[in-house]
Amino acid sequence: MYKAIQEIGGYKIGDEVPVEKALVWQKMYVTSPVKKVGAEPSANADSVDAPKDKANDAPEVDNAMHDDYLNRNGDVVNNAIKDDKLKKSVLESLLKIESSNKKRKPVIEAIQNKLKTLN
């Protein structure tokens, strides 16, 4: 089970977060916005294989989360990019999506500026 340690994706601090979202957010952010608490439900042999299958689907899940991240008002996205501590690979993915989709110049510039600060 995961709990939010900061407000993210409509979840408030202390709210339980679905495992799938928590795992994606842990990959997206330098400092995870969620924390693992308690034990996972009991695992059997079938469920042990499930994470391996999910690992193969991770890019699709990441792209969906990246799309959700960008599907907000441009000003909101700009501020989020400046404030959020996203990993370089996530920023590069966001830049690729934004450049090929909405093409909002201020958002693209904000992502490029953030990437420059990471180099």
Protein backbone atom coordinates (compact mmCIF):
# COMPACT_ATOMS: atom_id res chain seq x y z
CA MET A 1 0.00 0.00 0.00
CA TYR A 2 1.21 3.51 -0.83
CA LYS A 3 0.24 6.84 0.70
CA ALA A 4 0.70 10.32 -0.74
CA ILE A 5 3.30 12.39 1.08
CA GLN A 6 2.48 15.45 -1.01
CA GLU A 7 -0.56 16.48 -3.03
CA ILE A 8 -0.44 14.80 -6.42
CA GLY A 9 -2.89 13.63 -9.04
CA GLY A 10 -5.94 14.59 -6.99
CA TYR A 11 -4.65 12.77 -3.90
CA LYS A 12 -4.09 14.67 -0.68
CA ILE A 13 -1.34 14.02 1.84
CA GLY A 14 -2.09 10.76 3.63
CA ASP A 15 -4.49 9.42 0.99
CA GLU A 16 -3.99 5.86 -0.18
CA VAL A 17 -2.67 5.79 -3.74
CA PRO A 18 -3.15 2.90 -6.20
CA VAL A 19 0.02 0.84 -6.58
CA GLU A 20 0.17 1.36 -10.34
CA LYS A 21 0.17 5.16 -10.03
CA ALA A 22 2.57 5.09 -7.09
CA LEU A 23 5.10 3.03 -9.03
CA VAL A 24 4.91 5.36 -12.03
CA TRP A 25 5.30 8.45 -9.86
CA GLN A 26 8.30 6.92 -8.13
CA LYS A 27 9.93 6.58 -11.56
CA MET A 28 8.92 10.10 -12.66
CA TYR A 29 10.10 12.17 -9.71
CA VAL A 30 13.55 12.58 -8.20
CA THR A 31 11.89 12.66 -4.77
CA SER A 32 8.91 10.32 -4.68
CA PRO A 33 5.56 11.95 -3.85
CA VAL A 34 4.38 8.65 -2.35
CA LYS A 35 5.61 6.40 0.40
CA LYS A 36 5.17 2.67 0.81
CA VAL A 37 3.41 1.86 4.06
CA GLY A 38 2.39 -1.50 5.43
CA ALA A 39 2.65 -4.75 3.54
CA GLU A 40 1.37 -5.59 0.10
CA PRO A 41 -1.48 -8.08 -0.12
CA SER A 42 -0.29 -11.67 0.25
CA ALA A 43 1.42 -12.88 -2.87
CA ASN A 44 1.08 -16.25 -4.52
CA ALA A 45 3.12 -17.69 -7.39
CA ASP A 46 0.92 -16.04 -10.03
CA SER A 47 1.17 -12.55 -8.57
CA VAL A 48 4.96 -12.80 -8.30
CA ASP A 49 5.08 -12.93 -12.11
CA ALA A 50 2.72 -9.95 -12.50
CA PRO A 51 5.30 -7.23 -11.81
CA LYS A 52 7.52 -8.66 -14.56
CA ASP A 53 4.63 -8.32 -16.99
CA LYS A 54 3.91 -4.78 -15.77
CA ALA A 55 7.55 -3.85 -16.23
CA ASN A 56 7.15 -4.54 -19.95
CA ASP A 57 4.12 -2.20 -20.02
CA ALA A 58 5.87 0.60 -18.10
CA PRO A 59 6.55 2.87 -21.11
CA GLU A 60 2.84 2.85 -22.02
CA VAL A 61 1.85 3.67 -18.46
CA ASP A 62 4.51 6.38 -18.33
CA ASN A 63 3.27 7.89 -21.60
CA ALA A 64 -0.28 7.95 -20.27
CA MET A 65 0.89 9.66 -17.09
CA HIS A 66 2.99 12.11 -19.11
CA ASP A 67 -0.03 12.90 -21.29
CA ASP A 68 -2.08 13.51 -18.14
CA TYR A 69 0.68 15.78 -16.84
CA LEU A 70 0.58 17.85 -20.03
CA ASN A 71 -3.22 17.86 -20.40
CA ARG A 72 -3.61 20.86 -18.13
CA ASN A 73 -3.67 24.58 -18.70
CA GLY A 74 -0.35 25.83 -20.11
CA ASP A 75 0.30 28.11 -17.13
CA VAL A 76 -0.34 25.23 -14.74
CA VAL A 77 2.06 22.99 -16.67
CA ASN A 78 4.74 25.73 -16.74
CA ASN A 79 4.53 26.21 -12.98
CA ALA A 80 4.52 22.47 -12.36
CA ILE A 81 7.61 21.97 -14.51
CA LYS A 82 9.43 24.71 -12.61
CA ASP A 83 8.40 23.35 -9.20
CA ASP A 84 8.39 19.57 -9.69
CA LYS A 85 11.60 17.64 -9.36
CA LEU A 86 11.16 15.46 -12.42
CA LYS A 87 13.82 13.11 -13.70
CA LYS A 88 15.70 14.03 -16.87
CA SER A 89 14.20 11.09 -18.79
CA VAL A 90 10.69 12.24 -17.83
CA LEU A 91 11.41 15.80 -18.96
CA GLU A 92 12.74 14.50 -22.27
CA SER A 93 9.58 12.44 -22.74
CA LEU A 94 7.39 15.43 -21.87
CA LEU A 95 9.31 17.57 -24.36
CA LYS A 96 8.85 14.98 -27.09
CA ILE A 97 5.10 14.70 -26.41
CA GLU A 98 4.57 18.46 -26.16
CA SER A 99 6.63 19.16 -29.30
CA SER A 100 4.67 16.65 -31.35
CA ASN A 101 1.24 17.27 -29.89
CA LYS A 102 0.10 20.61 -28.45
CA LYS A 103 3.20 22.56 -29.45
CA ARG A 104 2.74 25.23 -26.77
CA LYS A 105 5.86 27.36 -27.06
CA PRO A 106 5.94 28.47 -23.38
CA VAL A 107 5.63 24.86 -22.18
CA ILE A 108 8.36 23.68 -24.55
CA GLU A 109 10.64 26.50 -23.38
CA ALA A 110 9.94 25.70 -19.72
CA ILE A 111 10.87 22.05 -20.28
CA GLN A 112 14.02 23.01 -22.23
CA ASN A 113 15.06 25.44 -19.48
CA LYS A 114 14.54 22.80 -16.81
CA LEU A 115 16.63 20.33 -18.84
CA LYS A 116 19.43 22.90 -19.09
CA THR A 117 19.52 23.22 -15.30
CA LEU A 118 19.96 19.44 -14.99
CA ASN A 119 22.98 19.30 -17.35
